[in-house]
Amino acid sequence: MSDYKLFESEYKFMELIWAHAPINSTELVKLCTEELGWKKSTTYTVLRKLCERGITKNVEAIVTYIVPREEIQRQESKAFLDKTFNGSLPLFLASFLKKETLSEQELKELKRIINESTNEAED
């Protein structure tokens, strides 16, 4: 599995690609100018680097992603847990919940996610 660590500016760029792919590279430049304040050269430089890293592709001026948002989020979340909480999700939750209270809906959602995860692990 590859490491798809993104800098903050790359992540914002990827958000545009995930939302609009497939997108013509000229349209992507316009979108980056409007949304990120980037120049054409910046957009093409970042796009080229992400293509080289196997995260995006640009074929005949049509840009799309290779790596889905969920994969990037999963890897970034794991890196955060590893760095900040020694890889411990329970330690993260305990720390988070010391200052935050969850709504009934959030609790139900967490229970659902845990149950689904547990069922998938058993299969």
N, C-alpha and C. Protein backbone atom coordinates (compact mmCIF):
# COMPACT_ATOMS: atom_id res chain seq x y z
N MET A 1 0.85 -1.17 0.00
CA MET A 1 0.00 0.00 0.00
C MET A 1 0.89 1.24 0.00
N SER A 2 0.55 2.19 -0.81
CA SER A 2 1.32 3.42 -0.92
C SER A 2 0.94 4.40 0.18
N ASP A 3 1.88 5.32 0.44
CA ASP A 3 1.60 6.38 1.40
C ASP A 3 1.17 7.61 0.61
N TYR A 4 -0.03 8.06 0.85
CA TYR A 4 -0.61 9.17 0.10
C TYR A 4 -0.69 10.44 0.93
N LYS A 5 0.30 10.71 1.76
CA LYS A 5 0.31 11.91 2.59
C LYS A 5 0.20 13.16 1.71
N LEU A 6 -0.75 14.01 2.06
CA LEU A 6 -0.96 15.25 1.31
C LEU A 6 -0.70 16.45 2.21
N PHE A 7 -0.08 17.47 1.63
CA PHE A 7 0.02 18.75 2.31
C PHE A 7 -1.37 19.39 2.29
N GLU A 8 -1.60 20.36 3.15
CA GLU A 8 -2.91 20.99 3.24
C GLU A 8 -3.38 21.56 1.91
N SER A 9 -2.48 22.23 1.19
CA SER A 9 -2.86 22.80 -0.11
C SER A 9 -3.19 21.70 -1.12
N GLU A 10 -2.47 20.59 -1.06
CA GLU A 10 -2.77 19.47 -1.96
C GLU A 10 -4.13 18.87 -1.63
N TYR A 11 -4.45 18.79 -0.35
CA TYR A 11 -5.73 18.24 0.06
C TYR A 11 -6.88 19.13 -0.46
N LYS A 12 -6.72 20.45 -0.34
CA LYS A 12 -7.75 21.37 -0.85
C LYS A 12 -7.90 21.21 -2.36
N PHE A 13 -6.80 21.03 -3.05
CA PHE A 13 -6.81 20.80 -4.49
C PHE A 13 -7.55 19.50 -4.80
N MET A 14 -7.23 18.46 -4.05
CA MET A 14 -7.89 17.16 -4.25
C MET A 14 -9.39 17.25 -3.98
N GLU A 15 -9.79 18.05 -3.01
CA GLU A 15 -11.22 18.24 -2.75
C GLU A 15 -11.93 18.72 -4.01
N LEU A 16 -11.30 19.63 -4.74
CA LEU A 16 -11.89 20.11 -5.99
C LEU A 16 -11.96 19.00 -7.03
N ILE A 17 -10.91 18.23 -7.13
CA ILE A 17 -10.91 17.13 -8.10
C ILE A 17 -11.94 16.08 -7.72
N TRP A 18 -12.00 15.69 -6.46
CA TRP A 18 -12.99 14.70 -6.04
C TRP A 18 -14.41 15.19 -6.31
N ALA A 19 -14.64 16.46 -6.13
CA ALA A 19 -15.98 17.01 -6.32
C ALA A 19 -16.36 17.16 -7.79
N HIS A 20 -15.37 17.33 -8.67
CA HIS A 20 -15.68 17.67 -10.07
C HIS A 20 -15.18 16.67 -11.11
N ALA A 21 -14.46 15.65 -10.69
CA ALA A 21 -13.88 14.70 -11.65
C ALA A 21 -14.96 13.90 -12.36
N PRO A 22 -14.72 13.58 -13.61
CA PRO A 22 -13.60 14.05 -14.43
C PRO A 22 -13.81 15.49 -14.84
N ILE A 23 -12.69 16.23 -14.90
CA ILE A 23 -12.76 17.66 -15.23
C ILE A 23 -11.66 18.00 -16.22
N ASN A 24 -12.00 18.86 -17.17
CA ASN A 24 -11.04 19.35 -18.13
C ASN A 24 -9.99 20.18 -17.39
N SER A 25 -8.73 20.04 -17.76
CA SER A 25 -7.66 20.74 -17.03
C SER A 25 -7.82 22.26 -17.10
N THR A 26 -8.33 22.78 -18.19
CA THR A 26 -8.57 24.22 -18.30
C THR A 26 -9.63 24.66 -17.29
N GLU A 27 -10.68 23.86 -17.15
CA GLU A 27 -11.73 24.15 -16.15
C GLU A 27 -11.17 24.04 -14.74
N LEU A 28 -10.27 23.09 -14.53
CA LEU A 28 -9.65 22.93 -13.22
C LEU A 28 -8.82 24.16 -12.87
N VAL A 29 -8.10 24.70 -13.83
CA VAL A 29 -7.32 25.92 -13.61
C VAL A 29 -8.25 27.06 -13.19
N LYS A 30 -9.38 27.22 -13.88
CA LYS A 30 -10.34 28.27 -13.53
C LYS A 30 -10.87 28.07 -12.11
N LEU A 31 -11.21 26.83 -11.80
CA LEU A 31 -11.74 26.50 -10.47
C LEU A 31 -10.70 26.80 -9.39
N CYS A 32 -9.45 26.45 -9.64
CA CYS A 32 -8.39 26.71 -8.66
C CYS A 32 -8.13 28.20 -8.49
N THR A 33 -8.27 28.95 -9.56
CA THR A 33 -8.12 30.40 -9.47
C THR A 33 -9.23 30.98 -8.59
N GLU A 34 -10.46 30.53 -8.82
CA GLU A 34 -11.61 31.03 -8.06
C GLU A 34 -11.60 30.56 -6.60
N GLU A 35 -11.36 29.28 -6.40
CA GLU A 35 -11.50 28.69 -5.06
C GLU A 35 -10.24 28.79 -4.20
N LEU A 36 -9.07 28.70 -4.83
CA LEU A 36 -7.82 28.65 -4.07
C LEU A 36 -6.93 29.87 -4.28
N GLY A 37 -7.28 30.70 -5.27
CA GLY A 37 -6.47 31.86 -5.57
C GLY A 37 -5.15 31.52 -6.26
N TRP A 38 -5.11 30.35 -6.90
CA TRP A 38 -3.88 29.89 -7.54
C TRP A 38 -3.74 30.44 -8.95
N LYS A 39 -2.47 30.56 -9.38
CA LYS A 39 -2.16 30.88 -10.77
C LYS A 39 -2.18 29.59 -11.58
N LYS A 40 -2.27 29.73 -12.87
CA LYS A 40 -2.28 28.58 -13.78
C LYS A 40 -1.05 27.69 -13.54
N SER A 41 0.11 28.31 -13.40
CA SER A 41 1.35 27.53 -13.22
C SER A 41 1.32 26.72 -11.92
N THR A 42 0.75 27.28 -10.87
CA THR A 42 0.65 26.55 -9.59
C THR A 42 -0.24 25.33 -9.75
N THR A 43 -1.38 25.51 -10.39
CA THR A 43 -2.30 24.40 -10.60
C THR A 43 -1.62 23.27 -11.36
N TYR A 44 -0.95 23.61 -12.45
CA TYR A 44 -0.30 22.56 -13.26
C TYR A 44 0.88 21.92 -12.53
N THR A 45 1.59 22.68 -11.71
CA THR A 45 2.70 22.10 -10.94
C THR A 45 2.18 21.10 -9.93
N VAL A 46 1.15 21.47 -9.18
CA VAL A 46 0.58 20.56 -8.18
C VAL A 46 -0.03 19.34 -8.86
N LEU A 47 -0.73 19.55 -9.96
CA LEU A 47 -1.31 18.44 -10.70
C LEU A 47 -0.23 17.47 -11.17
N ARG A 48 0.85 18.00 -11.72
CA ARG A 48 1.94 17.15 -12.20
C ARG A 48 2.52 16.32 -11.06
N LYS A 49 2.75 16.95 -9.91
CA LYS A 49 3.31 16.23 -8.77
C LYS A 49 2.37 15.13 -8.28
N LEU A 50 1.09 15.42 -8.23
CA LEU A 50 0.12 14.40 -7.79
C LEU A 50 0.01 13.27 -8.81
N CYS A 51 0.16 13.58 -10.08
CA CYS A 51 0.17 12.54 -11.12
C CYS A 51 1.40 11.65 -10.95
N GLU A 52 2.54 12.26 -10.70
CA GLU A 52 3.79 11.50 -10.51
C GLU A 52 3.70 10.58 -9.30
N ARG A 53 2.96 10.99 -8.29
CA ARG A 53 2.79 10.19 -7.07
C ARG A 53 1.66 9.17 -7.19
N GLY A 54 0.98 9.14 -8.34
CA GLY A 54 -0.07 8.16 -8.57
C GLY A 54 -1.38 8.45 -7.88
N ILE A 55 -1.62 9.72 -7.54
CA ILE A 55 -2.84 10.10 -6.85
C ILE A 55 -3.90 10.59 -7.84
N THR A 56 -3.44 11.28 -8.89
CA THR A 56 -4.34 11.76 -9.93
C THR A 56 -3.81 11.31 -11.29
N LYS A 57 -4.62 11.52 -12.32
CA LYS A 57 -4.14 11.31 -13.68
C LYS A 57 -4.71 12.39 -14.57
N ASN A 58 -3.94 12.72 -15.59
CA ASN A 58 -4.31 13.76 -16.54
C ASN A 58 -4.08 13.18 -17.93
N VAL A 59 -5.14 12.70 -18.54
CA VAL A 59 -5.04 12.07 -19.86
C VAL A 59 -5.84 12.91 -20.85
N GLU A 60 -5.13 13.39 -21.86
CA GLU A 60 -5.74 14.22 -22.89
C GLU A 60 -6.53 15.38 -22.28
N ALA A 61 -5.89 16.04 -21.30
CA ALA A 61 -6.44 17.22 -20.63
C ALA A 61 -7.68 16.94 -19.78
N ILE A 62 -7.95 15.68 -19.49
CA ILE A 62 -9.04 15.32 -18.58
C ILE A 62 -8.41 14.80 -17.29
N VAL A 63 -8.74 15.49 -16.20
CA VAL A 63 -8.16 15.17 -14.89
C VAL A 63 -9.16 14.37 -14.08
N THR A 64 -8.67 13.32 -13.47
CA THR A 64 -9.48 12.53 -12.54
C THR A 64 -8.57 12.02 -11.43
N TYR A 65 -9.17 11.45 -10.42
CA TYR A 65 -8.39 10.92 -9.31
C TYR A 65 -8.22 9.42 -9.47
N ILE A 66 -7.12 8.93 -8.94
CA ILE A 66 -6.86 7.49 -8.86
C ILE A 66 -7.17 7.02 -7.45
N VAL A 67 -6.77 7.82 -6.48
CA VAL A 67 -6.96 7.47 -5.07
C VAL A 67 -8.21 8.17 -4.55
N PRO A 68 -9.18 7.41 -4.07
CA PRO A 68 -10.42 8.03 -3.56
C PRO A 68 -10.20 8.77 -2.24
N ARG A 69 -11.09 9.70 -1.98
CA ARG A 69 -11.05 10.52 -0.76
C ARG A 69 -10.96 9.63 0.50
N GLU A 70 -11.73 8.58 0.53
CA GLU A 70 -11.79 7.73 1.72
C GLU A 70 -10.44 7.11 2.04
N GLU A 71 -9.67 6.75 1.02
CA GLU A 71 -8.35 6.16 1.25
C GLU A 71 -7.39 7.20 1.85
N ILE A 72 -7.43 8.41 1.31
CA ILE A 72 -6.59 9.48 1.86
C ILE A 72 -6.99 9.77 3.31
N GLN A 73 -8.28 9.87 3.56
CA GLN A 73 -8.76 10.15 4.92
C GLN A 73 -8.36 9.04 5.89
N ARG A 74 -8.45 7.80 5.43
CA ARG A 74 -8.08 6.67 6.30
C ARG A 74 -6.60 6.75 6.67
N GLN A 75 -5.76 7.00 5.68
CA GLN A 75 -4.33 7.07 5.95
C GLN A 75 -3.97 8.27 6.81
N GLU A 76 -4.59 9.40 6.55
CA GLU A 76 -4.30 10.60 7.35
C GLU A 76 -4.78 10.41 8.80
N SER A 77 -5.92 9.77 8.97
CA SER A 77 -6.44 9.51 10.32
C SER A 77 -5.51 8.57 11.08
N LYS A 78 -5.05 7.53 10.40
CA LYS A 78 -4.14 6.58 11.05
C LYS A 78 -2.84 7.27 11.43
N ALA A 79 -2.30 8.10 10.54
CA ALA A 79 -1.06 8.82 10.84
C ALA A 79 -1.24 9.73 12.06
N PHE A 80 -2.39 10.40 12.13
CA PHE A 80 -2.69 11.26 13.27
C PHE A 80 -2.75 10.45 14.56
N LEU A 81 -3.47 9.33 14.53
CA LEU A 81 -3.55 8.48 15.73
C LEU A 81 -2.18 7.97 16.13
N ASP A 82 -1.40 7.52 15.16
CA ASP A 82 -0.07 6.99 15.46
C ASP A 82 0.81 8.06 16.10
N LYS A 83 0.78 9.26 15.53
CA LYS A 83 1.64 10.34 16.00
C LYS A 83 1.19 10.88 17.35
N THR A 84 -0.10 11.07 17.51
CA THR A 84 -0.61 11.79 18.68
C THR A 84 -1.05 10.88 19.83
N PHE A 85 -1.55 9.69 19.51
CA PHE A 85 -2.10 8.83 20.55
C PHE A 85 -1.50 7.43 20.52
N ASN A 86 -0.29 7.32 20.00
CA ASN A 86 0.40 6.04 19.94
C ASN A 86 -0.45 4.96 19.26
N GLY A 87 -1.26 5.38 18.29
CA GLY A 87 -2.07 4.45 17.52
C GLY A 87 -3.34 3.97 18.22
N SER A 88 -3.67 4.57 19.34
CA SER A 88 -4.80 4.10 20.15
C SER A 88 -6.07 4.91 19.89
N LEU A 89 -7.04 4.29 19.24
CA LEU A 89 -8.33 4.93 19.03
C LEU A 89 -9.06 5.15 20.37
N PRO A 90 -9.08 4.16 21.28
CA PRO A 90 -9.73 4.41 22.58
C PRO A 90 -9.11 5.59 23.34
N LEU A 91 -7.78 5.74 23.29
CA LEU A 91 -7.13 6.85 23.95
C LEU A 91 -7.55 8.18 23.32
N PHE A 92 -7.64 8.20 21.99
CA PHE A 92 -8.11 9.40 21.29
C PHE A 92 -9.53 9.75 21.72
N LEU A 93 -10.43 8.76 21.70
CA LEU A 93 -11.82 9.02 22.07
C LEU A 93 -11.94 9.50 23.52
N ALA A 94 -11.18 8.88 24.42
CA ALA A 94 -11.22 9.30 25.82
C ALA A 94 -10.77 10.75 25.95
N SER A 95 -9.70 11.10 25.24
CA SER A 95 -9.20 12.47 25.28
C SER A 95 -10.22 13.45 24.68
N PHE A 96 -10.78 13.08 23.57
CA PHE A 96 -11.76 13.93 22.88
C PHE A 96 -13.00 14.15 23.74
N LEU A 97 -13.48 13.07 24.33
CA LEU A 97 -14.74 13.14 25.08
C LEU A 97 -14.61 13.81 26.44
N LYS A 98 -13.39 14.10 26.88
CA LYS A 98 -13.22 14.83 28.13
C LYS A 98 -13.77 16.25 28.02
N LYS A 99 -13.72 16.83 26.81
CA LYS A 99 -14.17 18.20 26.62
C LYS A 99 -15.40 18.31 25.73
N GLU A 100 -15.77 17.25 25.07
CA GLU A 100 -16.89 17.28 24.13
C GLU A 100 -17.98 16.33 24.61
N THR A 101 -19.22 16.71 24.32
CA THR A 101 -20.31 15.80 24.58
C THR A 101 -20.94 15.44 23.24
N LEU A 102 -21.31 14.20 23.12
CA LEU A 102 -21.91 13.72 21.88
C LEU A 102 -23.42 13.80 21.97
N SER A 103 -24.04 14.13 20.86
CA SER A 103 -25.49 14.12 20.80
C SER A 103 -25.97 12.67 20.74
N GLU A 104 -27.24 12.49 20.96
CA GLU A 104 -27.84 11.15 20.88
C GLU A 104 -27.63 10.58 19.48
N GLN A 105 -27.78 11.42 18.47
CA GLN A 105 -27.59 10.98 17.07
C GLN A 105 -26.14 10.55 16.82
N GLU A 106 -25.19 11.31 17.35
CA GLU A 106 -23.77 10.96 17.19
C GLU A 106 -23.45 9.64 17.88
N LEU A 107 -24.03 9.43 19.07
CA LEU A 107 -23.82 8.17 19.78
C LEU A 107 -24.37 6.99 18.98
N LYS A 108 -25.57 7.16 18.43
CA LYS A 108 -26.16 6.10 17.62
C LYS A 108 -25.29 5.80 16.40
N GLU A 109 -24.78 6.85 15.77
CA GLU A 109 -23.93 6.68 14.59
C GLU A 109 -22.64 5.94 14.95
N LEU A 110 -22.02 6.31 16.06
CA LEU A 110 -20.81 5.61 16.51
C LEU A 110 -21.09 4.14 16.80
N LYS A 111 -22.20 3.87 17.47
CA LYS A 111 -22.56 2.48 17.75
C LYS A 111 -22.77 1.70 16.47
N ARG A 112 -23.43 2.33 15.50
CA ARG A 112 -23.65 1.66 14.22
C ARG A 112 -22.32 1.34 13.53
N ILE A 113 -21.41 2.31 13.53
CA ILE A 113 -20.10 2.12 12.90
C ILE A 113 -19.33 1.00 13.58
N ILE A 114 -19.34 1.00 14.91
CA ILE A 114 -18.64 -0.04 15.66
C ILE A 114 -19.25 -1.41 15.38
N ASN A 115 -20.58 -1.48 15.37
CA ASN A 115 -21.23 -2.76 15.09
C ASN A 115 -20.91 -3.26 13.69
N GLU A 116 -20.94 -2.36 12.71
CA GLU A 116 -20.61 -2.76 11.33
C GLU A 116 -19.16 -3.22 11.24
N SER A 117 -18.28 -2.52 11.91
CA SER A 117 -16.87 -2.87 11.90
C SER A 117 -16.64 -4.23 12.55
N THR A 118 -17.34 -4.48 13.64
CA THR A 118 -17.23 -5.75 14.35
C THR A 118 -17.75 -6.89 13.47
N ASN A 119 -18.87 -6.66 12.80
CA ASN A 119 -19.45 -7.68 11.92
C ASN A 119 -18.53 -7.98 10.74
N GLU A 120 -17.89 -6.95 10.16
CA GLU A 120 -16.98 -7.15 9.05
C GLU A 120 -15.76 -7.94 9.49
N ALA A 121 -15.28 -7.69 10.71
CA ALA A 121 -14.10 -8.40 11.22
C ALA A 121 -14.40 -9.88 11.43
N GLU A 122 -15.64 -10.20 11.76
CA GLU A 122 -16.03 -11.60 11.99
C GLU A 122 -16.19 -12.37 10.69
N ASP A 123 -16.49 -11.68 9.58
CA ASP A 123 -16.71 -12.35 8.30
C ASP A 123 -15.43 -12.87 7.69
